[in-house]
C-alpha atoms as a PDB file:
ATOM      1  CA  MET A   1      14.514 203.498  74.286  1.00  0.00           C
ATOM      2  CA  LYS A   2      12.755 203.909  70.929  1.00  0.00           C
ATOM      3  CA  ASP A   3      15.925 205.241  69.319  1.00  0.00           C
ATOM      4  CA  LEU A   4      17.881 202.247  70.599  1.00  0.00           C
ATOM      5  CA  ILE A   5      15.557 199.637  69.068  1.00  0.00           C
ATOM      6  CA  LYS A   6      14.453 201.344  65.856  1.00  0.00           C
ATOM      7  CA  ASP A   7      16.605 199.103  63.611  1.00  0.00           C
ATOM      8  CA  PHE A   8      15.147 195.860  64.993  1.00  0.00           C
ATOM      9  CA  PRO A   9      11.911 194.375  63.619  1.00  0.00           C
ATOM     10  CA  ILE A  10      10.988 192.344  66.714  1.00  0.00           C
ATOM     11  CA  THR A  11      11.107 193.420  70.342  1.00  0.00           C
ATOM     12  CA  THR A  12      10.103 191.524  73.463  1.00  0.00           C
ATOM     13  CA  LYS A  13       9.861 192.772  77.036  1.00  0.00           C
ATOM     14  CA  ILE A  14      10.693 190.506  79.967  1.00  0.00           C
ATOM     15  CA  LYS A  15      10.204 191.387  83.612  1.00  0.00           C
ATOM     16  CA  VAL A  16      13.287 190.735  85.733  1.00  0.00           C
ATOM     17  CA  GLU A  17      12.285 188.484  88.619  1.00  0.00           C
ATOM     18  CA  TRP A  18      13.954 188.402  92.026  1.00  0.00           C
ATOM     19  CA  ARG A  19      14.842 184.750  91.383  1.00  0.00           C
ATOM     20  CA  ASP A  20      16.969 185.883  88.392  1.00  0.00           C
ATOM     21  CA  MET A  21      19.471 187.502  90.772  1.00  0.00           C
ATOM     22  CA  ASP A  22      22.778 185.969  91.843  1.00  0.00           C
ATOM     23  CA  ALA A  23      24.853 186.407  94.996  1.00  0.00           C
ATOM     24  CA  ALA A  24      26.543 189.497  93.515  1.00  0.00           C
ATOM     25  CA  GLY A  25      23.177 191.308  93.389  1.00  0.00           C
ATOM     26  CA  HIS A  26      22.605 191.308  89.622  1.00  0.00           C
ATOM     27  CA  VAL A  27      20.971 189.034  87.082  1.00  0.00           C
ATOM     28  CA  HIS A  28      22.867 185.752  86.801  1.00  0.00           C
ATOM     29  CA  ASN A  29      24.686 185.414  83.465  1.00  0.00           C
ATOM     30  CA  VAL A  30      22.881 182.204  82.478  1.00  0.00           C
ATOM     31  CA  LYS A  31      19.495 183.991  82.725  1.00  0.00           C
ATOM     32  CA  TYR A  32      20.505 186.160  79.759  1.00  0.00           C
ATOM     33  CA  LEU A  33      20.491 183.063  77.537  1.00  0.00           C
ATOM     34  CA  GLY A  34      16.937 182.345  78.655  1.00  0.00           C
ATOM     35  CA  TYR A  35      15.953 185.917  77.816  1.00  0.00           C
ATOM     36  CA  VAL A  36      17.595 185.520  74.394  1.00  0.00           C
ATOM     37  CA  GLU A  37      15.630 182.315  73.827  1.00  0.00           C
ATOM     38  CA  SER A  38      12.364 184.177  74.475  1.00  0.00           C
ATOM     39  CA  GLY A  39      13.357 186.800  71.905  1.00  0.00           C
ATOM     40  CA  ARG A  40      14.322 184.129  69.381  1.00  0.00           C
ATOM     41  CA  VAL A  41      10.955 182.397  69.790  1.00  0.00           C
ATOM     42  CA  ALA A  42       9.154 185.728  69.284  1.00  0.00           C
ATOM     43  CA  TYR A  43      11.147 186.294  66.082  1.00  0.00           C
ATOM     44  CA  PHE A  44      10.183 182.919  64.621  1.00  0.00           C
ATOM     45  CA  GLU A  45       6.566 183.300  65.701  1.00  0.00           C
ATOM     46  CA  ALA A  46       6.472 186.641  63.834  1.00  0.00           C
ATOM     47  CA  LEU A  47       7.529 184.672  60.733  1.00  0.00           C
ATOM     48  CA  ASP A  48       4.723 182.164  61.363  1.00  0.00           C
ATOM     49  CA  PHE A  49       7.403 179.474  61.625  1.00  0.00           C
ATOM     50  CA  GLU A  50       6.692 176.417  63.762  1.00  0.00           C
ATOM     51  CA  VAL A  51       8.918 176.750  66.822  1.00  0.00           C
ATOM     52  CA  VAL A  52       8.188 173.281  68.239  1.00  0.00           C
ATOM     53  CA  PRO A  53       7.554 170.988  65.295  1.00  0.00           C
ATOM     54  CA  LYS A  54       6.398 167.443  65.995  1.00  0.00           C
ATOM     55  CA  ILE A  55       7.693 166.392  62.593  1.00  0.00           C
ATOM     56  CA  GLY A  56       9.172 168.257  59.681  1.00  0.00           C
ATOM     57  CA  VAL A  57      11.335 171.353  59.689  1.00  0.00           C
ATOM     58  CA  GLY A  58      12.453 173.376  62.668  1.00  0.00           C
ATOM     59  CA  PHE A  59      15.772 174.726  63.834  1.00  0.00           C
ATOM     60  CA  VAL A  60      18.487 173.928  66.342  1.00  0.00           C
ATOM     61  CA  VAL A  61      20.957 176.317  67.932  1.00  0.00           C
ATOM     62  CA  ALA A  62      24.420 175.623  66.499  1.00  0.00           C
ATOM     63  CA  THR A  63      26.263 178.412  68.318  1.00  0.00           C
ATOM     64  CA  ILE A  64      25.367 181.149  70.763  1.00  0.00           C
ATOM     65  CA  ASP A  65      27.393 183.844  72.457  1.00  0.00           C
ATOM     66  CA  CYS A  66      26.650 186.633  74.865  1.00  0.00           C
ATOM     67  CA  LYS A  67      28.688 189.750  75.512  1.00  0.00           C
ATOM     68  CA  TYR A  68      27.800 191.251  78.891  1.00  0.00           C
ATOM     69  CA  ILE A  69      28.034 195.035  78.902  1.00  0.00           C
ATOM     70  CA  PHE A  70      26.219 196.348  81.985  1.00  0.00           C
ATOM     71  CA  PRO A  71      24.669 194.560  84.993  1.00  0.00           C
ATOM     72  CA  VAL A  72      20.895 194.258  85.272  1.00  0.00           C
ATOM     73  CA  THR A  73      19.333 194.378  88.735  1.00  0.00           C
ATOM     74  CA  TYR A  74      15.890 193.828  90.209  1.00  0.00           C
ATOM     75  CA  PRO A  75      13.477 195.515  89.658  1.00  0.00           C
ATOM     76  CA  ASP A  76      13.752 196.145  85.926  1.00  0.00           C
ATOM     77  CA  ASN A  77      12.471 195.053  82.541  1.00  0.00           C
ATOM     78  CA  VAL A  78      14.758 193.735  79.843  1.00  0.00           C
ATOM     79  CA  VAL A  79      13.802 194.641  76.281  1.00  0.00           C
ATOM     80  CA  LEU A  80      15.107 192.216  73.672  1.00  0.00           C
ATOM     81  CA  ALA A  81      15.531 193.501  70.132  1.00  0.00           C
ATOM     82  CA  ASN A  82      16.060 190.884  67.407  1.00  0.00           C
ATOM     83  CA  ARG A  83      17.171 190.982  63.809  1.00  0.00           C
ATOM     84  CA  ALA A  84      18.672 188.613  61.258  1.00  0.00           C
ATOM     85  CA  VAL A  85      22.218 189.546  60.333  1.00  0.00           C
ATOM     86  CA  ASP A  86      23.092 186.836  57.813  1.00  0.00           C
ATOM     87  CA  TYR A  87      22.021 183.532  56.337  1.00  0.00           C
ATOM     88  CA  GLY A  88      23.338 180.613  54.376  1.00  0.00           C
ATOM     89  CA  GLU A  89      21.905 177.587  52.643  1.00  0.00           C
ATOM     90  CA  HIS A  90      21.217 175.793  55.932  1.00  0.00           C
ATOM     91  CA  HIS A  91      21.189 178.544  58.579  1.00  0.00           C
ATOM     92  CA  ILE A  92      20.367 182.050  59.691  1.00  0.00           C
ATOM     93  CA  THR A  93      22.150 184.140  62.307  1.00  0.00           C
ATOM     94  CA  LEU A  94      20.109 186.257  64.693  1.00  0.00           C
ATOM     95  CA  GLU A  95      21.499 189.155  66.669  1.00  0.00           C
ATOM     96  CA  THR A  96      19.814 190.115  69.926  1.00  0.00           C
ATOM     97  CA  HIS A  97      20.474 193.339  71.780  1.00  0.00           C
ATOM     98  CA  LEU A  98      19.276 193.389  75.378  1.00  0.00           C
ATOM     99  CA  PHE A  99      18.341 196.710  76.961  1.00  0.00           C
ATOM    100  CA  SER A 100      17.531 197.779  80.518  1.00  0.00           C
ATOM    101  CA  GLU A 101      14.396 199.885  80.821  1.00  0.00           C
ATOM    102  CA  LYS A 102      15.529 201.197  84.208  1.00  0.00           C
ATOM    103  CA  TYR A 103      18.845 202.494  82.867  1.00  0.00           C
ATOM    104  CA  ASN A 104      17.705 203.051  79.257  1.00  0.00           C
ATOM    105  CA  ARG A 105      20.849 201.432  77.895  1.00  0.00           C
ATOM    106  CA  ILE A 106      22.194 198.318  76.252  1.00  0.00           C
ATOM    107  CA  VAL A 107      23.218 195.594  78.697  1.00  0.00           C
ATOM    108  CA  ALA A 108      24.218 192.656  76.471  1.00  0.00           C
ATOM    109  CA  ILE A 109      24.518 191.461  72.857  1.00  0.00           C
ATOM    110  CA  SER A 110      24.009 187.882  71.701  1.00  0.00           C
ATOM    111  CA  ASN A 111      24.473 186.198  68.331  1.00  0.00           C
ATOM    112  CA  GLN A 112      22.876 182.858  67.552  1.00  0.00           C
ATOM    113  CA  LYS A 113      23.537 180.666  64.516  1.00  0.00           C
ATOM    114  CA  LEU A 114      20.396 178.610  63.913  1.00  0.00           C
ATOM    115  CA  VAL A 115      20.522 175.571  61.634  1.00  0.00           C
ATOM    116  CA  PHE A 116      17.384 174.342  59.907  1.00  0.00           C
ATOM    117  CA  TYR A 117      16.697 170.810  61.018  1.00  0.00           C
ATOM    118  CA  ASP A 118      14.500 167.975  59.751  1.00  0.00           C
ATOM    119  CA  PHE A 119      13.147 166.419  62.937  1.00  0.00           C
ATOM    120  CA  GLU A 120      11.562 163.513  61.111  1.00  0.00           C
ATOM    121  CA  ASN A 121      14.820 162.421  59.448  1.00  0.00           C
ATOM    122  CA  THR A 122      17.090 163.846  62.186  1.00  0.00           C
ATOM    123  CA  CYS A 123      19.400 165.835  59.920  1.00  0.00           C
ATOM    124  CA  LYS A 124      20.116 169.414  58.904  1.00  0.00           C
ATOM    125  CA  MET A 125      18.258 170.664  55.878  1.00  0.00           C
ATOM    126  CA  LYS A 126      18.148 173.563  53.483  1.00  0.00           C
ATOM    127  CA  MET A 127      16.259 176.711  54.331  1.00  0.00           C
ATOM    128  CA  PRO A 128      12.552 176.035  53.699  1.00  0.00           C
ATOM    129  CA  ASP A 129      10.953 177.498  50.585  1.00  0.00           C
ATOM    130  CA  GLY A 130       9.509 180.946  51.230  1.00  0.00           C
ATOM    131  CA  PHE A 131      11.373 181.457  54.516  1.00  0.00           C
ATOM    132  CA  LEU A 132      13.844 184.005  53.127  1.00  0.00           C
ATOM    133  CA  GLU A 133      11.061 186.043  51.548  1.00  0.00           C
ATOM    134  CA  LYS A 134       9.138 186.159  54.846  1.00  0.00           C
ATOM    135  CA  MET A 135      12.293 187.119  56.705  1.00  0.00           C
ATOM    136  CA  GLU A 136      13.076 189.959  54.300  1.00  0.00           C
ATOM    137  CA  VAL A 137       9.526 191.290  54.596  1.00  0.00           C
ATOM    138  CA  LEU A 138       9.832 191.196  58.375  1.00  0.00           C
ATOM    139  CA  GLU A 139      13.237 192.828  58.300  1.00  0.00           C
ATOM    140  CA  ASN A 140      12.105 195.264  55.590  1.00  0.00           C
ATOM    141  CA  LYS A 141      15.534 194.916  54.031  1.00  0.00           C
ATOM    142  CA  LYS A 142      17.915 192.506  52.417  1.00  0.00           C
ATOM    143  CA  VAL A 143      19.836 190.319  54.825  1.00  0.00           C
ATOM    144  CA  SER A 144      23.435 189.584  53.894  1.00  0.00           C
ATOM    145  CA  ARG A 145      24.279 186.070  52.807  1.00  0.00           C
ATOM    146  CA  ILE A 146      27.559 184.527  53.911  1.00  0.00           C
END
């Protein structure tokens, strides 16, 4: 598994629960988005960025996708590996690879475009000062701007 996640700065492990299963005997597709959310929160916490701001700057999910590659079944652990893949004046895009510990393989890939949002004034806003620098330190590389 270490070789599979070496290019990702943040990883999170989630235990697959029996309640995550669907009638077909594998994890229901909507559960993957919940797993991705947990990985996204871990990424922002690693940046010391307020995930649930009462006022001020936060982010909202503008788009999210999920490509399902291999079914996950109970019992297992899903390892989420997160990295930033691009950014713009008002957003960043995170890529999450989901891996099965049981099968030691990738099971899904998700991309999320996250828009910085001013919760006090209820509008999108520019990337906060210092955010890019923190992100590049975390990523230990330059992130492409689009």
